[in-house]
Amino acid sequence: MTSNESDRVKKAYDARKKKGWSNRYPLYQKGTLHEMQWRERVMLSMLEDALGDLGDKRILDIGCGSGGTLKPFLKYGLKMENCYGVDILDGKIEEAKLALPSMNFACCSAEDIPFEKNSFDLVTTFTCLSSVLDNNIRKSICHQAIDMLRPGGWALVYDFFVNNPYNPDVKAVTLNELKSYFQNCTCRSKKVTLLPPLSRRLAKYSLALCSVLGTIPLLRTHRLTMFQKPL
């Protein structure tokens, strides 16, 4: 990642922290929990179809933050020592190392990952690409994800494809864009996540209504997309 884009991302996250938005949507909020559980159900189904038993698999999370997106994989059967994460925010990496000391973390850009290439069964990014506004850097991150995967391994991208007009620090990630970055890879994709502002308001009154509205494709804003590296 170029120094200008890296600095911009760091400043954006610093601004969020100063506003007290670092943990703006905790899991005890019904809307946030509903979003996470729905995503988790769909993701686990996709992972089972793609990789089967995760017990002996190695995972790398690009943009791992403090390890919050890696930690659930322990419930899915992965071993701590087989979990790796990278992020450009050194404070987040320090938090991850303290919380999950047996995992492997590095503070670096996606282009400078210090772990062995062609060695991971799964590489993930959760709302990481949307934080990067430069399409060339997005492309570089995705190409690095492919390089880190073993032949036949899978990349999993969770991100939104509908722009947020209230946040100029992020940009939607379309399926066609992703396909252009992961050329020659098998693709599987599913729309998930009910429009978050709607979901977070409605969930206070009716989780059942959230589930019903979530069946309407036009009200979904995110995708879970998987790409398989050719053998």
Protein backbone atom coordinates (compact mmCIF):
# COMPACT_ATOMS: atom_id res chain seq x y z
CA MET A 1 0.00 0.00 0.00
CA THR A 2 1.38 3.43 -0.91
CA SER A 3 2.36 5.69 1.96
CA ASN A 4 -0.36 8.23 1.01
CA GLU A 5 -3.15 5.64 1.08
CA SER A 6 -1.74 4.00 4.21
CA ASP A 7 -1.63 7.36 5.99
CA ARG A 8 -5.18 8.15 4.88
CA VAL A 9 -6.49 4.85 6.26
CA LYS A 10 -4.66 5.35 9.57
CA LYS A 11 -6.03 8.88 9.92
CA ALA A 12 -9.56 7.64 9.20
CA TYR A 13 -9.31 5.01 11.94
CA ASP A 14 -7.74 7.51 14.36
CA ALA A 15 -10.69 9.83 13.74
CA ARG A 16 -13.12 6.98 14.46
CA LYS A 17 -11.29 6.23 17.69
CA LYS A 18 -11.41 9.85 18.83
CA LYS A 19 -15.16 9.92 18.17
CA GLY A 20 -15.58 6.78 20.28
CA TRP A 21 -16.60 4.68 17.27
CA SER A 22 -14.01 1.91 17.73
CA ASN A 23 -16.69 -0.33 19.20
CA ARG A 24 -19.73 1.44 17.81
CA TYR A 25 -21.71 -1.73 17.13
CA PRO A 26 -21.12 -4.20 20.02
CA LEU A 27 -22.60 -7.69 19.83
CA TYR A 28 -24.99 -7.08 22.71
CA GLN A 29 -26.96 -4.85 20.34
CA LYS A 30 -29.63 -7.04 18.76
CA GLY A 31 -29.14 -5.63 15.26
CA THR A 32 -25.39 -6.25 15.29
CA LEU A 33 -25.87 -9.77 16.65
CA HIS A 34 -28.46 -10.52 13.97
CA GLU A 35 -26.06 -9.36 11.23
CA MET A 36 -23.17 -11.42 12.62
CA GLN A 37 -25.18 -14.63 13.10
CA TRP A 38 -26.65 -14.46 9.60
CA ARG A 39 -23.22 -13.88 8.06
CA GLU A 40 -21.77 -16.70 10.14
CA ARG A 41 -24.43 -19.21 9.04
CA VAL A 42 -23.92 -18.46 5.35
CA MET A 43 -20.13 -18.34 5.68
CA LEU A 44 -19.92 -21.70 7.46
CA SER A 45 -22.06 -23.32 4.78
CA MET A 46 -19.79 -21.93 2.06
CA LEU A 47 -16.63 -22.95 3.92
CA GLU A 48 -17.91 -26.49 4.46
CA ASP A 49 -18.66 -26.87 0.77
CA ALA A 50 -15.26 -25.47 -0.21
CA LEU A 51 -12.90 -26.85 2.43
CA GLY A 52 -14.72 -29.49 4.46
CA ASP A 53 -13.24 -30.06 7.93
CA LEU A 54 -11.31 -26.96 9.02
CA GLY A 55 -9.40 -28.72 11.80
CA ASP A 56 -6.05 -28.92 9.99
CA LYS A 57 -6.41 -25.82 7.80
CA ARG A 58 -4.25 -22.67 7.88
CA ILE A 59 -5.91 -19.25 7.67
CA LEU A 60 -4.59 -15.75 7.00
CA ASP A 61 -6.78 -12.72 7.71
CA ILE A 62 -5.76 -9.54 5.85
CA GLY A 63 -6.87 -6.46 7.78
CA CYS A 64 -7.32 -8.50 10.95
CA GLY A 65 -7.57 -5.56 13.35
CA SER A 66 -7.40 -6.78 16.94
CA GLY A 67 -8.21 -10.37 15.92
CA GLY A 68 -11.97 -10.18 16.24
CA THR A 69 -12.62 -11.82 12.88
CA LEU A 70 -10.06 -14.57 13.48
CA LYS A 71 -11.23 -15.58 16.96
CA PRO A 72 -14.52 -17.21 15.82
CA PHE A 73 -12.54 -19.61 13.64
CA LEU A 74 -11.41 -21.35 16.83
CA LYS A 75 -15.04 -22.39 17.32
CA TYR A 76 -15.02 -23.80 13.81
CA GLY A 77 -12.15 -26.14 14.67
CA LEU A 78 -9.02 -24.26 13.60
CA LYS A 79 -5.98 -24.43 15.85
CA MET A 80 -4.57 -21.17 17.23
CA GLU A 81 -1.12 -21.83 15.82
CA ASN A 82 -2.64 -22.15 12.33
CA CYS A 83 -4.23 -18.69 12.49
CA TYR A 84 -2.37 -15.70 11.04
CA GLY A 85 -3.29 -12.04 10.72
CA VAL A 86 -1.85 -8.81 9.32
CA ASP A 87 -2.89 -5.18 9.66
CA ILE A 88 -1.30 -1.76 9.08
CA LEU A 89 -2.52 -0.44 12.46
CA ASP A 90 0.17 -1.26 15.01
CA GLY A 91 -2.12 -0.58 17.97
CA LYS A 92 -4.63 -3.15 16.71
CA ILE A 93 -1.89 -5.74 16.20
CA GLU A 94 -0.65 -5.21 19.77
CA GLU A 95 -4.20 -5.78 21.03
CA ALA A 96 -4.44 -8.95 18.94
CA LYS A 97 -1.17 -10.31 20.31
CA LEU A 98 -2.32 -9.71 23.89
CA ALA A 99 -5.75 -11.25 23.36
CA LEU A 100 -4.64 -14.21 21.21
CA PRO A 101 -0.98 -14.88 22.06
CA SER A 102 -0.78 -18.26 20.33
CA MET A 103 -1.84 -16.84 16.98
CA ASN A 104 0.60 -15.27 14.56
CA PHE A 105 0.31 -11.53 13.86
CA ALA A 106 2.36 -8.99 11.93
CA CYS A 107 2.01 -5.24 11.47
CA CYS A 108 2.56 -4.69 7.76
CA SER A 109 0.85 -3.79 4.51
CA ALA A 110 -0.77 -6.52 2.45
CA GLU A 111 2.05 -6.22 -0.08
CA ASP A 112 4.72 -7.04 2.53
CA ILE A 113 3.27 -10.06 4.33
CA PRO A 114 6.15 -11.88 6.06
CA PHE A 115 4.56 -15.34 6.03
CA GLU A 116 5.27 -18.13 3.56
CA LYS A 117 3.55 -17.86 0.19
CA ASN A 118 1.54 -20.75 -1.28
CA SER A 119 0.93 -22.11 2.22
CA PHE A 120 -2.58 -21.11 3.32
CA ASP A 121 -5.83 -22.99 2.79
CA LEU A 122 -7.93 -19.88 3.40
CA VAL A 123 -7.23 -16.15 3.12
CA THR A 124 -9.94 -13.80 4.38
CA THR A 125 -10.71 -10.08 4.30
CA PHE A 126 -13.64 -8.65 6.24
CA THR A 127 -14.63 -5.09 5.18
CA CYS A 128 -10.97 -4.44 4.42
CA LEU A 129 -11.10 -3.65 0.70
CA SER A 130 -13.85 -1.05 1.20
CA SER A 131 -11.49 0.89 3.48
CA VAL A 132 -9.10 1.28 0.53
CA LEU A 133 -10.16 3.89 -2.02
CA ASP A 134 -7.39 3.26 -4.57
CA ASN A 135 -8.46 0.49 -6.97
CA ASN A 136 -4.86 -0.34 -7.85
CA ILE A 137 -4.12 -1.05 -4.20
CA ARG A 138 -7.28 -3.13 -3.89
CA LYS A 139 -6.05 -5.15 -6.86
CA SER A 140 -2.64 -5.57 -5.25
CA ILE A 141 -4.20 -6.82 -1.99
CA CYS A 142 -6.25 -9.41 -3.85
CA HIS A 143 -3.25 -10.57 -5.88
CA GLN A 144 -1.29 -10.93 -2.64
CA ALA A 145 -4.13 -13.03 -1.21
CA ILE A 146 -3.84 -15.35 -4.22
CA ASP A 147 -0.05 -15.56 -3.78
CA MET A 148 -0.46 -16.62 -0.14
CA LEU A 149 -2.89 -19.41 -0.99
CA ARG A 150 -1.80 -22.94 -1.75
CA PRO A 151 -3.00 -24.27 -5.13
CA GLY A 152 -6.67 -25.13 -4.66
CA GLY A 153 -7.00 -22.86 -1.63
CA TRP A 154 -9.78 -20.31 -1.20
CA ALA A 155 -9.98 -16.55 -0.63
CA LEU A 156 -13.07 -15.27 1.19
CA VAL A 157 -14.12 -11.62 0.89
CA TYR A 158 -16.89 -10.05 2.99
CA ASP A 159 -17.67 -6.49 2.05
CA PHE A 160 -20.46 -4.13 1.07
CA PHE A 161 -21.46 -3.46 -2.52
CA VAL A 162 -23.76 -0.49 -1.76
CA ASN A 163 -22.03 2.82 -1.09
CA ASN A 164 -22.45 4.55 2.26
CA PRO A 165 -23.22 8.21 1.42
CA TYR A 166 -22.39 9.28 4.98
CA ASN A 167 -18.84 7.89 5.08
CA PRO A 168 -16.36 9.30 2.52
CA ASP A 169 -13.56 7.12 3.92
CA VAL A 170 -14.98 3.93 2.41
CA LYS A 171 -16.08 2.78 -1.04
CA ALA A 172 -18.27 -0.10 -2.15
CA VAL A 173 -16.75 -3.25 -3.65
CA THR A 174 -18.69 -4.72 -6.56
CA LEU A 175 -18.71 -8.34 -7.64
CA ASN A 176 -17.46 -7.44 -11.13
CA GLU A 177 -14.57 -5.56 -9.55
CA LEU A 178 -13.64 -8.57 -7.43
CA LYS A 179 -13.83 -10.89 -10.42
CA SER A 180 -11.41 -8.63 -12.29
CA TYR A 181 -8.92 -8.98 -9.42
CA PHE A 182 -9.33 -12.75 -9.03
CA GLN A 183 -9.08 -13.70 -12.68
CA ASN A 184 -8.98 -17.41 -13.57
CA CYS A 185 -10.37 -18.28 -10.13
CA THR A 186 -13.57 -20.22 -9.46
CA CYS A 187 -16.12 -17.84 -7.89
CA ARG A 188 -18.98 -18.43 -5.45
CA SER A 189 -20.92 -15.46 -4.06
CA LYS A 190 -23.97 -14.83 -1.88
CA LYS A 191 -25.69 -11.63 -0.84
CA VAL A 192 -26.08 -11.23 2.92
CA THR A 193 -26.72 -8.56 5.58
CA LEU A 194 -29.94 -6.61 5.73
CA LEU A 195 -29.37 -2.87 5.22
CA PRO A 196 -27.60 -2.13 8.55
CA PRO A 197 -29.37 1.13 9.53
CA LEU A 198 -32.71 -0.62 8.96
CA SER A 199 -31.66 -3.82 10.70
CA ARG A 200 -30.28 -2.06 13.78
CA ARG A 201 -33.48 -0.09 14.26
CA LEU A 202 -35.92 -2.93 13.63
CA ALA A 203 -34.03 -5.51 15.69
CA LYS A 204 -34.93 -3.63 18.88
CA TYR A 205 -38.55 -4.54 18.24
CA SER A 206 -38.61 -7.68 16.09
CA LEU A 207 -35.80 -10.02 15.04
CA ALA A 208 -38.40 -12.03 13.13
CA LEU A 209 -39.20 -9.01 10.95
CA CYS A 210 -35.47 -8.55 10.29
CA SER A 211 -35.28 -12.14 9.09
CA VAL A 212 -38.30 -11.70 6.81
CA LEU A 213 -36.96 -8.49 5.27
CA GLY A 214 -33.56 -10.15 4.86
CA THR A 215 -35.11 -12.51 2.30
CA ILE A 216 -35.58 -9.55 -0.05
CA PRO A 217 -32.41 -9.31 -2.19
CA LEU A 218 -32.84 -5.57 -2.81
CA LEU A 219 -32.49 -4.92 0.93
CA ARG A 220 -29.16 -6.74 1.24
CA THR A 221 -25.99 -4.65 1.16
CA HIS A 222 -23.03 -7.05 1.56
CA ARG A 223 -21.60 -10.09 -0.17
CA LEU A 224 -19.70 -13.15 0.93
CA THR A 225 -17.59 -14.11 -2.04
CA MET A 226 -15.13 -16.98 -2.37
CA PHE A 227 -12.48 -17.50 -5.02
CA GLN A 228 -10.51 -20.71 -5.54
CA LYS A 229 -6.90 -20.50 -6.65
CA PRO A 230 -6.30 -22.79 -9.66
CA LEU A 231 -4.56 -26.09 -9.00
